Amino acid sequence: MSGSANETARLAPGLRAFLAGPREGEPWPEPAGEYLASRQLFVEEQLLGQPTSRFVSEGGVRLNRVTCYWLSPDDLPAIARRRPGRSRLRFALVKFWLMFDELPPNRQYAVVRIRISLKPPAPVLMLRPDLSTPSTQTGPVATAVDLGADGFGWTFEAQEGSPLLARRQIALVLLELPEEVTELAGLFDAEALVSRRLLGTFTLRRSAPIDSAAPFLVSLADSCP
């Protein structure tokens, strides 16, 4: 499942369709209800002429929906086929559908960090950005982060000449789950570094939530048809 054209063509039709879309510019399927979780981000600003400060909203990240695909033994990478007790496990390729919110004028995302911790934790066998969007040397960089029992996530970084804009983003994870599992429960968190332009000068400021991580709950019966 490297995402190359030749390997993708050899995948089962259902898996190939799951990985394929939507591509850049295509509409996303609308979620059945509200987004699953959101993290509004804030920066702390000093009040002019006063010793106190205030928190000002500057960006945000939403988890719009989660979809998944149950992998068959033939779909699994070699490392998963050799897992002890594999007959009592299920393997789900899970898509996290994310949205980076618009920023105020004269600001751009420099870095956006997404972190997800499942309750209970599940072993992670693969982490990737969206396989349907080829990476390029001139585009924003996405790096997967495996934190073990503390969860997993992705870090998205702008590059010179290629800003990290408010956008929709899909990220993927391959999870090892007990065969009796019926839902994914966890916490969704995010933070960002935001570049602010003022009088021709750029400064970086950390933008983060002011409350605890947002819980989410996903029914696998609904998300993994």
Protein backbone atom coordinates (compact mmCIF):
# COMPACT_ATOMS: atom_id res chain seq x y z
CA MET A 1 0.00 0.00 0.00
CA SER A 2 2.74 2.44 -0.91
CA GLY A 3 0.43 4.52 -3.09
CA SER A 4 2.36 4.03 -6.36
CA ALA A 5 0.27 3.62 -9.51
CA ASN A 6 1.40 0.03 -10.14
CA GLU A 7 0.77 -1.15 -6.57
CA THR A 8 -2.56 0.66 -6.34
CA ALA A 9 -3.75 -1.10 -9.51
CA ARG A 10 -3.16 -4.47 -7.83
CA LEU A 11 -5.35 -3.68 -4.82
CA ALA A 12 -8.85 -5.05 -4.31
CA PRO A 13 -11.46 -2.78 -5.98
CA GLY A 14 -13.04 -1.79 -2.66
CA LEU A 15 -9.70 -0.82 -1.14
CA ARG A 16 -8.66 1.00 -4.30
CA ALA A 17 -11.89 3.03 -4.20
CA PHE A 18 -11.39 3.80 -0.50
CA LEU A 19 -7.88 5.15 -1.12
CA ALA A 20 -8.75 6.98 -4.32
CA GLY A 21 -10.73 9.99 -3.36
CA PRO A 22 -11.75 12.63 -3.25
CA ARG A 23 -8.90 14.28 -5.07
CA GLU A 24 -7.85 17.92 -4.90
CA GLY A 25 -10.74 20.19 -5.94
CA GLU A 26 -13.41 17.47 -5.74
CA PRO A 27 -16.26 17.91 -3.24
CA TRP A 28 -16.17 15.96 -0.01
CA PRO A 29 -19.05 13.72 1.02
CA GLU A 30 -21.17 15.61 3.51
CA PRO A 31 -21.10 14.19 7.07
CA ALA A 32 -24.35 12.85 8.47
CA GLY A 33 -24.36 15.48 11.24
CA GLU A 34 -22.04 17.95 12.93
CA TYR A 35 -18.27 17.46 12.85
CA LEU A 36 -16.98 14.94 15.38
CA ALA A 37 -14.66 17.26 17.32
CA SER A 38 -13.00 20.66 17.02
CA ARG A 39 -10.10 22.58 18.53
CA GLN A 40 -10.33 26.34 18.50
CA LEU A 41 -6.86 27.86 18.73
CA PHE A 42 -5.84 31.01 20.59
CA VAL A 43 -2.80 33.24 21.03
CA GLU A 44 -2.09 35.26 24.16
CA GLU A 45 -1.73 38.99 23.52
CA GLN A 46 -0.58 41.67 25.93
CA LEU A 47 -3.08 44.50 26.37
CA LEU A 48 -1.57 47.80 25.26
CA GLY A 49 -0.30 49.76 28.24
CA GLN A 50 -1.54 47.20 30.77
CA PRO A 51 0.13 44.36 32.72
CA THR A 52 -2.62 41.91 31.73
CA SER A 53 -3.17 39.86 28.59
CA ARG A 54 -6.05 38.27 26.72
CA PHE A 55 -6.58 35.22 24.56
CA VAL A 56 -7.45 35.95 20.92
CA SER A 57 -8.85 33.35 18.53
CA GLU A 58 -6.38 32.52 15.76
CA GLY A 59 -7.31 29.49 13.70
CA GLY A 60 -8.66 26.08 14.50
CA VAL A 61 -8.83 22.47 13.36
CA ARG A 62 -11.93 20.30 12.96
CA LEU A 63 -12.32 16.55 12.75
CA ASN A 64 -15.17 16.36 10.24
CA ARG A 65 -15.61 12.62 10.02
CA VAL A 66 -13.90 9.23 10.27
CA THR A 67 -14.26 6.45 7.71
CA CYS A 68 -12.54 3.10 7.51
CA TYR A 69 -12.03 -0.06 5.50
CA TRP A 70 -11.63 -3.56 6.97
CA LEU A 71 -8.58 -5.17 5.38
CA SER A 72 -8.59 -8.79 4.27
CA PRO A 73 -5.51 -11.00 4.83
CA ASP A 74 -4.44 -10.38 1.23
CA ASP A 75 -4.61 -6.59 1.77
CA LEU A 76 -2.36 -6.63 4.82
CA PRO A 77 1.30 -5.65 4.71
CA ALA A 78 3.68 -8.50 5.53
CA ILE A 79 4.30 -7.20 9.06
CA ALA A 80 0.61 -7.51 9.92
CA ARG A 81 0.27 -11.02 8.50
CA ARG A 82 2.91 -12.18 10.97
CA ARG A 83 1.30 -10.63 14.06
CA PRO A 84 0.82 -13.11 16.95
CA GLY A 85 -2.84 -14.01 17.46
CA ARG A 86 -3.83 -12.52 14.09
CA SER A 87 -6.92 -14.76 13.91
CA ARG A 88 -8.36 -12.86 16.90
CA LEU A 89 -7.60 -9.43 15.46
CA ARG A 90 -9.09 -7.13 12.84
CA PHE A 91 -7.17 -4.55 10.84
CA ALA A 92 -8.80 -1.26 9.89
CA LEU A 93 -7.44 1.36 7.51
CA VAL A 94 -8.89 4.56 8.96
CA LYS A 95 -9.28 7.96 7.30
CA PHE A 96 -9.42 11.09 9.43
CA TRP A 97 -11.11 13.93 7.53
CA LEU A 98 -9.67 17.22 8.81
CA MET A 99 -10.28 20.91 8.18
CA PHE A 100 -7.91 23.79 8.95
CA ASP A 101 -10.02 26.88 9.68
CA GLU A 102 -9.52 30.27 8.07
CA LEU A 103 -7.16 32.71 9.81
CA PRO A 104 -7.56 36.46 10.33
CA PRO A 105 -5.99 38.74 7.70
CA ASN A 106 -2.18 38.86 7.36
CA ARG A 107 -1.71 35.46 8.96
CA GLN A 108 -0.73 32.04 7.64
CA TYR A 109 -0.23 28.64 9.19
CA ALA A 110 3.45 27.76 9.43
CA VAL A 111 2.89 24.45 11.25
CA VAL A 112 -0.25 22.53 12.24
CA ARG A 113 0.04 19.58 14.62
CA ILE A 114 -2.76 17.02 14.98
CA ARG A 115 -2.72 14.49 17.83
CA ILE A 116 -5.17 11.63 18.42
CA SER A 117 -5.17 9.28 21.39
CA LEU A 118 -7.50 6.27 21.34
CA LYS A 119 -9.14 4.92 24.48
CA PRO A 120 -8.09 2.16 24.87
CA PRO A 121 -4.90 2.53 22.79
CA ALA A 122 -4.57 0.47 19.61
CA PRO A 123 -1.32 -0.61 17.93
CA VAL A 124 -0.48 1.50 14.88
CA LEU A 125 0.95 -0.40 11.90
CA MET A 126 1.07 2.46 9.40
CA LEU A 127 0.63 6.24 9.39
CA ARG A 128 0.41 8.34 6.27
CA PRO A 129 -0.92 11.60 4.90
CA ASP A 130 -3.56 11.39 2.18
CA LEU A 131 -2.44 8.69 -0.30
CA SER A 132 -4.62 10.18 -3.03
CA THR A 133 -2.57 13.41 -3.09
CA PRO A 134 0.99 12.91 -4.37
CA SER A 135 3.62 14.69 -2.30
CA THR A 136 5.92 17.17 -4.03
CA GLN A 137 9.09 18.95 -3.01
CA THR A 138 7.36 22.31 -3.45
CA GLY A 139 4.21 21.54 -1.46
CA PRO A 140 3.58 21.61 2.29
CA VAL A 141 5.26 18.73 4.11
CA ALA A 142 3.27 16.20 6.18
CA THR A 143 5.04 14.01 8.75
CA ALA A 144 3.41 11.13 10.63
CA VAL A 145 4.08 10.83 14.36
CA ASP A 146 3.64 7.57 16.33
CA LEU A 147 3.55 8.24 20.08
CA GLY A 148 2.97 4.63 21.11
CA ALA A 149 0.45 4.28 23.93
CA ASP A 150 0.02 8.08 23.94
CA GLY A 151 -1.49 8.08 20.45
CA PHE A 152 -0.51 9.22 16.98
CA GLY A 153 -0.88 12.16 14.65
CA TRP A 154 0.50 14.28 11.87
CA THR A 155 2.52 17.47 11.57
CA PHE A 156 1.88 19.67 8.53
CA GLU A 157 4.51 22.30 7.69
CA ALA A 158 4.62 25.08 5.12
CA GLN A 159 7.63 25.42 2.85
CA GLU A 160 9.13 28.54 1.37
CA GLY A 161 6.96 29.56 -1.54
CA SER A 162 4.23 27.08 -0.62
CA PRO A 163 2.07 28.26 2.31
CA LEU A 164 0.01 25.96 4.48
CA LEU A 165 -3.46 27.31 3.75
CA ALA A 166 -6.81 26.76 5.41
CA ARG A 167 -7.84 23.56 3.69
CA ARG A 168 -9.31 20.10 3.91
CA GLN A 169 -6.86 17.31 4.61
CA ILE A 170 -7.15 13.53 4.82
CA ALA A 171 -4.77 11.47 6.94
CA LEU A 172 -4.57 7.67 7.23
CA VAL A 173 -3.71 5.15 9.91
CA LEU A 174 -3.69 1.35 9.91
CA LEU A 175 -4.91 0.06 13.28
CA GLU A 176 -4.82 -3.37 14.88
CA LEU A 177 -8.09 -3.91 16.77
CA PRO A 178 -9.62 -6.75 18.81
CA GLU A 179 -12.16 -8.68 16.73
CA GLU A 180 -14.98 -7.76 19.13
CA VAL A 181 -14.44 -3.99 18.90
CA THR A 182 -17.48 -1.97 17.80
CA GLU A 183 -16.31 1.64 18.10
CA LEU A 184 -13.36 3.99 18.18
CA ALA A 185 -13.27 6.37 21.13
CA GLY A 186 -10.55 8.88 21.75
CA LEU A 187 -9.34 12.43 22.21
CA PHE A 188 -8.63 14.91 19.42
CA ASP A 189 -6.14 17.73 19.90
CA ALA A 190 -4.28 20.29 17.79
CA GLU A 191 -2.00 23.30 17.93
CA ALA A 192 -0.31 25.54 15.38
CA LEU A 193 2.45 28.00 14.72
CA VAL A 194 1.00 31.00 12.93
CA SER A 195 3.02 33.50 10.90
CA ARG A 196 1.77 37.06 11.38
CA ARG A 197 2.75 39.92 9.08
CA LEU A 198 2.83 43.38 10.66
CA LEU A 199 4.43 46.39 8.99
CA GLY A 200 6.37 44.14 6.65
CA THR A 201 7.76 41.98 9.47
CA PHE A 202 6.83 38.34 10.03
CA THR A 203 6.60 36.84 13.51
CA LEU A 204 5.73 33.29 14.58
CA ARG A 205 3.26 32.77 17.39
CA ARG A 206 2.04 29.57 19.04
CA SER A 207 -1.71 29.15 18.74
CA ALA A 208 -3.23 26.49 21.00
CA PRO A 209 -6.48 25.49 22.72
CA ILE A 210 -7.24 26.82 26.18
CA ASP A 211 -9.17 23.72 27.26
CA SER A 212 -8.58 19.97 27.34
CA ALA A 213 -8.59 17.72 24.28
CA ALA A 214 -11.96 17.10 22.64
CA PRO A 215 -13.49 13.60 22.91
CA PHE A 216 -14.92 11.78 19.89
CA LEU A 217 -16.77 8.50 19.37
CA VAL A 218 -17.13 6.61 16.09
CA SER A 219 -19.33 3.61 15.44
CA LEU A 220 -17.40 1.15 13.30
CA ALA A 221 -20.65 -0.35 12.04
CA ASP A 222 -21.47 3.02 10.46
CA SER A 223 -17.93 4.05 9.48
CA CYS A 224 -16.69 0.71 8.09
CA PRO A 225 -19.37 -0.53 5.66
